[in-house]
Amino acid sequence: MFALDTYGLLGALVMLVIGAIDYVVIKKVAYGRIVERYRRAQRDGESSIHPETVMNLVMVVSLIVFPLIGYGFGSKLASGFGGG
């Protein structure tokens, strides 16, 4: 079992904020292009990934995977400083 340490939680919090900002920016900037590409593929009879599937994947990566990476990085950082 792992122990919750301060550096790990701080790293997770920082990466959660970065992930949330990343999700909002991608939603604002890229979502329109993704929908346009999907509609063009549907019109031309080609296959394409549904835009909501793409955004769900981005959301999972941004809001779940990023904080886990941040926690691991924060824990490694703490052990490098002799803390944690």
PDB file of N, CA and C in Angstrom:
ATOM      1  N   MET A   1       0.837  -1.177   0.000  1.00  0.00           N
ATOM      2  CA  MET A   1       0.000   0.000   0.000  1.00  0.00           C
ATOM      3  C   MET A   1       0.884   1.243   0.000  1.00  0.00           C
ATOM      4  N   PHE A   2       0.443   2.275  -0.636  1.00  0.00           N
ATOM      5  CA  PHE A   2       1.242   3.488  -0.712  1.00  0.00           C
ATOM      6  C   PHE A   2       0.731   4.529   0.285  1.00  0.00           C
ATOM      7  N   ALA A   3       1.627   5.349   0.726  1.00  0.00           N
ATOM      8  CA  ALA A   3       1.270   6.409   1.661  1.00  0.00           C
ATOM      9  C   ALA A   3       1.103   7.716   0.894  1.00  0.00           C
ATOM     10  N   LEU A   4       0.152   8.525   1.324  1.00  0.00           N
ATOM     11  CA  LEU A   4      -0.047   9.829   0.710  1.00  0.00           C
ATOM     12  C   LEU A   4       0.986  10.793   1.260  1.00  0.00           C
ATOM     13  N   ASP A   5       1.757  11.378   0.384  1.00  0.00           N
ATOM     14  CA  ASP A   5       2.762  12.322   0.841  1.00  0.00           C
ATOM     15  C   ASP A   5       2.459  13.710   0.277  1.00  0.00           C
ATOM     16  N   THR A   6       3.028  14.715   0.900  1.00  0.00           N
ATOM     17  CA  THR A   6       2.741  16.102   0.551  1.00  0.00           C
ATOM     18  C   THR A   6       3.189  16.440  -0.863  1.00  0.00           C
ATOM     19  N   TYR A   7       4.398  16.025  -1.226  1.00  0.00           N
ATOM     20  CA  TYR A   7       4.895  16.325  -2.575  1.00  0.00           C
ATOM     21  C   TYR A   7       4.059  15.622  -3.648  1.00  0.00           C
ATOM     22  N   GLY A   8       3.643  14.409  -3.376  1.00  0.00           N
ATOM     23  CA  GLY A   8       2.806  13.686  -4.330  1.00  0.00           C
ATOM     24  C   GLY A   8       1.460  14.357  -4.523  1.00  0.00           C
ATOM     25  N   LEU A   9       0.844  14.778  -3.426  1.00  0.00           N
ATOM     26  CA  LEU A   9      -0.446  15.465  -3.525  1.00  0.00           C
ATOM     27  C   LEU A   9      -0.308  16.817  -4.208  1.00  0.00           C
ATOM     28  N   LEU A  10       0.781  17.518  -3.920  1.00  0.00           N
ATOM     29  CA  LEU A  10       1.017  18.798  -4.578  1.00  0.00           C
ATOM     30  C   LEU A  10       1.223  18.598  -6.082  1.00  0.00           C
ATOM     31  N   GLY A  11       1.994  17.578  -6.448  1.00  0.00           N
ATOM     32  CA  GLY A  11       2.186  17.277  -7.863  1.00  0.00           C
ATOM     33  C   GLY A  11       0.884  16.905  -8.549  1.00  0.00           C
ATOM     34  N   ALA A  12       0.037  16.120  -7.856  1.00  0.00           N
ATOM     35  CA  ALA A  12      -1.263  15.745  -8.423  1.00  0.00           C
ATOM     36  C   ALA A  12      -2.155  16.968  -8.594  1.00  0.00           C
ATOM     37  N   LEU A  13      -2.142  17.869  -7.628  1.00  0.00           N
ATOM     38  CA  LEU A  13      -2.964  19.076  -7.708  1.00  0.00           C
ATOM     39  C   LEU A  13      -2.509  19.974  -8.858  1.00  0.00           C
ATOM     40  N   VAL A  14      -1.208  20.145  -9.002  1.00  0.00           N
ATOM     41  CA  VAL A  14      -0.680  20.965 -10.095  1.00  0.00           C
ATOM     42  C   VAL A  14      -1.067  20.356 -11.442  1.00  0.00           C
ATOM     43  N   MET A  15      -0.903  19.055 -11.579  1.00  0.00           N
ATOM     44  CA  MET A  15      -1.240  18.410 -12.849  1.00  0.00           C
ATOM     45  C   MET A  15      -2.749  18.391 -13.096  1.00  0.00           C
ATOM     46  N   LEU A  16      -3.555  18.362 -12.034  1.00  0.00           N
ATOM     47  CA  LEU A  16      -5.004  18.444 -12.202  1.00  0.00           C
ATOM     48  C   LEU A  16      -5.389  19.806 -12.763  1.00  0.00           C
ATOM     49  N   VAL A  17      -4.781  20.856 -12.238  1.00  0.00           N
ATOM     50  CA  VAL A  17      -5.053  22.200 -12.751  1.00  0.00           C
ATOM     51  C   VAL A  17      -4.604  22.313 -14.209  1.00  0.00           C
ATOM     52  N   ILE A  18      -3.413  21.806 -14.509  1.00  0.00           N
ATOM     53  CA  ILE A  18      -2.919  21.829 -15.888  1.00  0.00           C
ATOM     54  C   ILE A  18      -3.839  21.019 -16.794  1.00  0.00           C
ATOM     55  N   GLY A  19      -4.295  19.857 -16.317  1.00  0.00           N
ATOM     56  CA  GLY A  19      -5.206  19.029 -17.109  1.00  0.00           C
ATOM     57  C   GLY A  19      -6.542  19.698 -17.360  1.00  0.00           C
ATOM     58  N   ALA A  20      -7.075  20.389 -16.351  1.00  0.00           N
ATOM     59  CA  ALA A  20      -8.348  21.089 -16.519  1.00  0.00           C
ATOM     60  C   ALA A  20      -8.212  22.220 -17.532  1.00  0.00           C
ATOM     61  N   ILE A  21      -7.121  22.967 -17.445  1.00  0.00           N
ATOM     62  CA  ILE A  21      -6.877  24.042 -18.416  1.00  0.00           C
ATOM     63  C   ILE A  21      -6.703  23.449 -19.810  1.00  0.00           C
ATOM     64  N   ASP A  22      -5.980  22.351 -19.906  1.00  0.00           N
ATOM     65  CA  ASP A  22      -5.768  21.662 -21.175  1.00  0.00           C
ATOM     66  C   ASP A  22      -7.098  21.234 -21.792  1.00  0.00           C
ATOM     67  N   TYR A  23      -7.979  20.666 -20.982  1.00  0.00           N
ATOM     68  CA  TYR A  23      -9.279  20.212 -21.472  1.00  0.00           C
ATOM     69  C   TYR A  23     -10.110  21.382 -21.999  1.00  0.00           C
ATOM     70  N   VAL A  24     -10.135  22.478 -21.242  1.00  0.00           N
ATOM     71  CA  VAL A  24     -10.922  23.643 -21.656  1.00  0.00           C
ATOM     72  C   VAL A  24     -10.378  24.228 -22.957  1.00  0.00           C
ATOM     73  N   VAL A  25      -9.055  24.331 -23.068  1.00  0.00           N
ATOM     74  CA  VAL A  25      -8.451  24.888 -24.277  1.00  0.00           C
ATOM     75  C   VAL A  25      -8.736  23.995 -25.480  1.00  0.00           C
ATOM     76  N   ILE A  26      -8.581  22.694 -25.316  1.00  0.00           N
ATOM     77  CA  ILE A  26      -8.851  21.779 -26.432  1.00  0.00           C
ATOM     78  C   ILE A  26     -10.321  21.831 -26.817  1.00  0.00           C
ATOM     79  N   LYS A  27     -11.202  21.913 -25.828  1.00  0.00           N
ATOM     80  CA  LYS A  27     -12.644  21.989 -26.104  1.00  0.00           C
ATOM     81  C   LYS A  27     -12.966  23.256 -26.906  1.00  0.00           C
ATOM     82  N   LYS A  28     -12.332  24.371 -26.553  1.00  0.00           N
ATOM     83  CA  LYS A  28     -12.604  25.632 -27.249  1.00  0.00           C
ATOM     84  C   LYS A  28     -11.955  25.689 -28.634  1.00  0.00           C
ATOM     85  N   VAL A  29     -10.731  25.206 -28.740  1.00  0.00           N
ATOM     86  CA  VAL A  29      -9.964  25.380 -29.975  1.00  0.00           C
ATOM     87  C   VAL A  29     -10.208  24.254 -30.978  1.00  0.00           C
ATOM     88  N   ALA A  30     -10.131  23.009 -30.533  1.00  0.00           N
ATOM     89  CA  ALA A  30     -10.102  21.888 -31.473  1.00  0.00           C
ATOM     90  C   ALA A  30     -11.459  21.229 -31.702  1.00  0.00           C
ATOM     91  N   TYR A  31     -12.415  21.414 -30.794  1.00  0.00           N
ATOM     92  CA  TYR A  31     -13.677  20.682 -30.912  1.00  0.00           C
ATOM     93  C   TYR A  31     -14.412  21.000 -32.217  1.00  0.00           C
ATOM     94  N   GLY A  32     -14.422  22.265 -32.605  1.00  0.00           N
ATOM     95  CA  GLY A  32     -15.087  22.646 -33.854  1.00  0.00           C
ATOM     96  C   GLY A  32     -14.476  21.958 -35.064  1.00  0.00           C
ATOM     97  N   ARG A  33     -13.160  21.864 -35.075  1.00  0.00           N
ATOM     98  CA  ARG A  33     -12.487  21.193 -36.201  1.00  0.00           C
ATOM     99  C   ARG A  33     -12.765  19.698 -36.197  1.00  0.00           C
ATOM    100  N   ILE A  34     -12.843  19.111 -35.006  1.00  0.00           N
ATOM    101  CA  ILE A  34     -13.132  17.682 -34.903  1.00  0.00           C
ATOM    102  C   ILE A  34     -14.533  17.394 -35.424  1.00  0.00           C
ATOM    103  N   VAL A  35     -15.496  18.230 -35.043  1.00  0.00           N
ATOM    104  CA  VAL A  35     -16.876  18.052 -35.509  1.00  0.00           C
ATOM    105  C   VAL A  35     -16.957  18.250 -37.015  1.00  0.00           C
ATOM    106  N   GLU A  36     -16.262  19.257 -37.519  1.00  0.00           N
ATOM    107  CA  GLU A  36     -16.262  19.513 -38.962  1.00  0.00           C
ATOM    108  C   GLU A  36     -15.693  18.322 -39.731  1.00  0.00           C
ATOM    109  N   ARG A  37     -14.594  17.774 -39.248  1.00  0.00           N
ATOM    110  CA  ARG A  37     -13.987  16.616 -39.900  1.00  0.00           C
ATOM    111  C   ARG A  37     -14.927  15.407 -39.849  1.00  0.00           C
ATOM    112  N   TYR A  38     -15.605  15.220 -38.711  1.00  0.00           N
ATOM    113  CA  TYR A  38     -16.549  14.107 -38.559  1.00  0.00           C
ATOM    114  C   TYR A  38     -17.713  14.254 -39.536  1.00  0.00           C
ATOM    115  N   ARG A  39     -18.268  15.450 -39.640  1.00  0.00           N
ATOM    116  CA  ARG A  39     -19.397  15.668 -40.554  1.00  0.00           C
ATOM    117  C   ARG A  39     -18.983  15.485 -42.010  1.00  0.00           C
ATOM    118  N   ARG A  40     -17.773  15.954 -42.340  1.00  0.00           N
ATOM    119  CA  ARG A  40     -17.278  15.779 -43.712  1.00  0.00           C
ATOM    120  C   ARG A  40     -17.095  14.291 -44.023  1.00  0.00           C
ATOM    121  N   ALA A  41     -16.591  13.530 -43.068  1.00  0.00           N
ATOM    122  CA  ALA A  41     -16.403  12.086 -43.282  1.00  0.00           C
ATOM    123  C   ALA A  41     -17.751  11.389 -43.422  1.00  0.00           C
ATOM    124  N   GLN A  42     -18.728  11.803 -42.619  1.00  0.00           N
ATOM    125  CA  GLN A  42     -20.056  11.201 -42.734  1.00  0.00           C
ATOM    126  C   GLN A  42     -20.686  11.533 -44.086  1.00  0.00           C
ATOM    127  N   ARG A  43     -20.503  12.742 -44.535  1.00  0.00           N
ATOM    128  CA  ARG A  43     -21.064  13.166 -45.825  1.00  0.00           C
ATOM    129  C   ARG A  43     -20.432  12.401 -46.984  1.00  0.00           C
ATOM    130  N   ASP A  44     -19.119  12.161 -46.878  1.00  0.00           N
ATOM    131  CA  ASP A  44     -18.406  11.473 -47.956  1.00  0.00           C
ATOM    132  C   ASP A  44     -18.472   9.952 -47.844  1.00  0.00           C
ATOM    133  N   GLY A  45     -19.098   9.441 -46.805  1.00  0.00           N
ATOM    134  CA  GLY A  45     -19.230   8.004 -46.636  1.00  0.00           C
ATOM    135  C   GLY A  45     -18.002   7.340 -46.054  1.00  0.00           C
ATOM    136  N   GLU A  46     -17.131   8.109 -45.447  1.00  0.00           N
ATOM    137  CA  GLU A  46     -15.935   7.544 -44.822  1.00  0.00           C
ATOM    138  C   GLU A  46     -16.201   7.316 -43.342  1.00  0.00           C
ATOM    139  N   SER A  47     -15.317   6.563 -42.737  1.00  0.00           N
ATOM    140  CA  SER A  47     -15.477   6.335 -41.300  1.00  0.00           C
ATOM    141  C   SER A  47     -14.634   7.338 -40.529  1.00  0.00           C
ATOM    142  N   SER A  48     -15.146   7.747 -39.385  1.00  0.00           N
ATOM    143  CA  SER A  48     -14.449   8.701 -38.536  1.00  0.00           C
ATOM    144  C   SER A  48     -14.901   8.475 -37.099  1.00  0.00           C
ATOM    145  N   ILE A  49     -14.046   8.856 -36.164  1.00  0.00           N
ATOM    146  CA  ILE A  49     -14.374   8.704 -34.749  1.00  0.00           C
ATOM    147  C   ILE A  49     -15.327   9.822 -34.349  1.00  0.00           C
ATOM    148  N   HIS A  50     -16.343   9.478 -33.579  1.00  0.00           N
ATOM    149  CA  HIS A  50     -17.327  10.460 -33.120  1.00  0.00           C
ATOM    150  C   HIS A  50     -16.636  11.514 -32.249  1.00  0.00           C
ATOM    151  N   PRO A  51     -16.986  12.786 -32.405  1.00  0.00           N
ATOM    152  CA  PRO A  51     -16.321  13.850 -31.646  1.00  0.00           C
ATOM    153  C   PRO A  51     -16.439  13.694 -30.122  1.00  0.00           C
ATOM    154  N   GLU A  52     -17.559  13.203 -29.642  1.00  0.00           N
ATOM    155  CA  GLU A  52     -17.711  13.023 -28.191  1.00  0.00           C
ATOM    156  C   GLU A  52     -16.769  11.944 -27.667  1.00  0.00           C
ATOM    157  N   THR A  53     -16.480  10.940 -28.477  1.00  0.00           N
ATOM    158  CA  THR A  53     -15.522   9.909 -28.084  1.00  0.00           C
ATOM    159  C   THR A  53     -14.126  10.509 -27.929  1.00  0.00           C
ATOM    160  N   VAL A  54     -13.765  11.368 -28.866  1.00  0.00           N
ATOM    161  CA  VAL A  54     -12.462  12.031 -28.794  1.00  0.00           C
ATOM    162  C   VAL A  54     -12.387  12.906 -27.546  1.00  0.00           C
ATOM    163  N   MET A  55     -13.446  13.682 -27.288  1.00  0.00           N
ATOM    164  CA  MET A  55     -13.429  14.579 -26.132  1.00  0.00           C
ATOM    165  C   MET A  55     -13.472  13.796 -24.820  1.00  0.00           C
ATOM    166  N   ASN A  56     -14.141  12.662 -24.783  1.00  0.00           N
ATOM    167  CA  ASN A  56     -14.126  11.822 -23.582  1.00  0.00           C
ATOM    168  C   ASN A  56     -12.727  11.282 -23.314  1.00  0.00           C
ATOM    169  N   LEU A  57     -12.028  10.900 -24.358  1.00  0.00           N
ATOM    170  CA  LEU A  57     -10.647  10.440 -24.205  1.00  0.00           C
ATOM    171  C   LEU A  57      -9.750  11.561 -23.689  1.00  0.00           C
ATOM    172  N   VAL A  58      -9.916  12.755 -24.244  1.00  0.00           N
ATOM    173  CA  VAL A  58      -9.140  13.905 -23.777  1.00  0.00           C
ATOM    174  C   VAL A  58      -9.456  14.206 -22.324  1.00  0.00           C
ATOM    175  N   MET A  59     -10.722  14.100 -21.934  1.00  0.00           N
ATOM    176  CA  MET A  59     -11.122  14.363 -20.555  1.00  0.00           C
ATOM    177  C   MET A  59     -10.506  13.346 -19.598  1.00  0.00           C
ATOM    178  N   VAL A  60     -10.514  12.079 -19.962  1.00  0.00           N
ATOM    179  CA  VAL A  60      -9.923  11.049 -19.101  1.00  0.00           C
ATOM    180  C   VAL A  60      -8.425  11.284 -18.936  1.00  0.00           C
ATOM    181  N   VAL A  61      -7.749  11.585 -20.027  1.00  0.00           N
ATOM    182  CA  VAL A  61      -6.313  11.832 -19.946  1.00  0.00           C
ATOM    183  C   VAL A  61      -6.031  13.080 -19.118  1.00  0.00           C
ATOM    184  N   SER A  62      -6.778  14.148 -19.367  1.00  0.00           N
ATOM    185  CA  SER A  62      -6.519  15.417 -18.691  1.00  0.00           C
ATOM    186  C   SER A  62      -6.852  15.383 -17.210  1.00  0.00           C
ATOM    187  N   LEU A  63      -7.948  14.727 -16.840  1.00  0.00           N
ATOM    188  CA  LEU A  63      -8.433  14.821 -15.463  1.00  0.00           C
ATOM    189  C   LEU A  63      -8.130  13.594 -14.608  1.00  0.00           C
ATOM    190  N   ILE A  64      -7.663  12.512 -15.214  1.00  0.00           N
ATOM    191  CA  ILE A  64      -7.329  11.325 -14.426  1.00  0.00           C
ATOM    192  C   ILE A  64      -5.857  10.955 -14.583  1.00  0.00           C
ATOM    193  N   VAL A  65      -5.399  10.838 -15.827  1.00  0.00           N
ATOM    194  CA  VAL A  65      -4.026  10.390 -16.064  1.00  0.00           C
ATOM    195  C   VAL A  65      -3.015  11.460 -15.648  1.00  0.00           C
ATOM    196  N   PHE A  66      -3.267  12.725 -15.995  1.00  0.00           N
ATOM    197  CA  PHE A  66      -2.331  13.791 -15.613  1.00  0.00           C
ATOM    198  C   PHE A  66      -2.109  13.849 -14.103  1.00  0.00           C
ATOM    199  N   PRO A  67      -3.174  13.856 -13.266  1.00  0.00           N
ATOM    200  CA  PRO A  67      -2.921  13.878 -11.820  1.00  0.00           C
ATOM    201  C   PRO A  67      -2.167  12.648 -11.311  1.00  0.00           C
ATOM    202  N   LEU A  68      -2.405  11.490 -11.891  1.00  0.00           N
ATOM    203  CA  LEU A  68      -1.660  10.300 -11.478  1.00  0.00           C
ATOM    204  C   LEU A  68      -0.185  10.441 -11.810  1.00  0.00           C
ATOM    205  N   ILE A  69       0.100  10.986 -12.977  1.00  0.00           N
ATOM    206  CA  ILE A  69       1.498  11.241 -13.345  1.00  0.00           C
ATOM    207  C   ILE A  69       2.096  12.282 -12.400  1.00  0.00           C
ATOM    208  N   GLY A  70       1.326  13.318 -12.080  1.00  0.00           N
ATOM    209  CA  GLY A  70       1.796  14.344 -11.158  1.00  0.00           C
ATOM    210  C   GLY A  70       2.069  13.796  -9.776  1.00  0.00           C
ATOM    211  N   TYR A  71       1.223  12.875  -9.309  1.00  0.00           N
ATOM    212  CA  TYR A  71       1.447  12.259  -8.003  1.00  0.00           C
ATOM    213  C   TYR A  71       2.744  11.455  -8.007  1.00  0.00           C
ATOM    214  N   GLY A  72       2.933  10.671  -9.058  1.00  0.00           N
ATOM    215  CA  GLY A  72       4.162   9.875  -9.159  1.00  0.00           C
ATOM    216  C   GLY A  72       5.400  10.747  -9.268  1.00  0.00           C
ATOM    217  N   PHE A  73       5.301  11.813 -10.059  1.00  0.00           N
ATOM    218  CA  PHE A  73       6.435  12.713 -10.203  1.00  0.00           C
ATOM    219  C   PHE A  73       6.721  13.441  -8.890  1.00  0.00           C
ATOM    220  N   GLY A  74       5.665  13.870  -8.188  1.00  0.00           N
ATOM    221  CA  GLY A  74       5.854  14.536  -6.900  1.00  0.00           C
ATOM    222  C   GLY A  74       6.470  13.614  -5.867  1.00  0.00           C
ATOM    223  N   SER A  75       6.083  12.360  -5.874  1.00  0.00           N
ATOM    224  CA  SER A  75       6.669  11.390  -4.943  1.00  0.00           C
ATOM    225  C   SER A  75       8.143  11.151  -5.258  1.00  0.00           C
ATOM    226  N   LYS A  76       8.476  11.046  -6.532  1.00  0.00           N
ATOM    227  CA  LYS A  76       9.885  10.874  -6.923  1.00  0.00           C
ATOM    228  C   LYS A  76      10.700  12.118  -6.560  1.00  0.00           C
ATOM    229  N   LEU A  77      10.082  13.276  -6.742  1.00  0.00           N
ATOM    230  CA  LEU A  77      10.751  14.530  -6.389  1.00  0.00           C
ATOM    231  C   LEU A  77      11.028  14.579  -4.888  1.00  0.00           C
ATOM    232  N   ALA A  78      10.067  14.127  -4.087  1.00  0.00           N
ATOM    233  CA  ALA A  78      10.240  14.113  -2.628  1.00  0.00           C
ATOM    234  C   ALA A  78      11.362  13.162  -2.223  1.00  0.00           C
ATOM    235  N   SER A  79      11.420  12.007  -2.853  1.00  0.00           N
ATOM    236  CA  SER A  79      12.487  11.055  -2.498  1.00  0.00           C
ATOM    237  C   SER A  79      13.843  11.575  -2.953  1.00  0.00           C
ATOM    238  N   GLY A  80      13.862  12.371  -4.017  1.00  0.00           N
ATOM    239  CA  GLY A  80      15.113  12.961  -4.466  1.00  0.00           C
ATOM    240  C   GLY A  80      15.636  14.012  -3.506  1.00  0.00           C
ATOM    241  N   PHE A  81      14.697  14.683  -2.818  1.00  0.00           N
ATOM    242  CA  PHE A  81      15.087  15.679  -1.821  1.00  0.00           C
ATOM    243  C   PHE A  81      15.258  15.085  -0.438  1.00  0.00           C
ATOM    244  N   GLY A  82      15.026  13.792  -0.306  1.00  0.00           N
ATOM    245  CA  GLY A  82      15.155  13.139   0.987  1.00  0.00           C
ATOM    246  C   GLY A  82      13.943  13.306   1.871  1.00  0.00           C
ATOM    247  N   GLY A  83      12.842  13.789   1.297  1.00  0.00           N
ATOM    248  CA  GLY A  83      11.612  13.974   2.070  1.00  0.00           C
ATOM    249  C   GLY A  83      10.637  12.859   1.785  1.00  0.00           C
ATOM    250  N   GLY A  84       9.398  13.080   2.163  1.00  0.00           N
ATOM    251  CA  GLY A  84       8.319  12.170   1.814  1.00  0.00           C
ATOM    252  C   GLY A  84       8.243  11.006   2.687  1.00  0.00           C
TER     253      GLY A  84
END
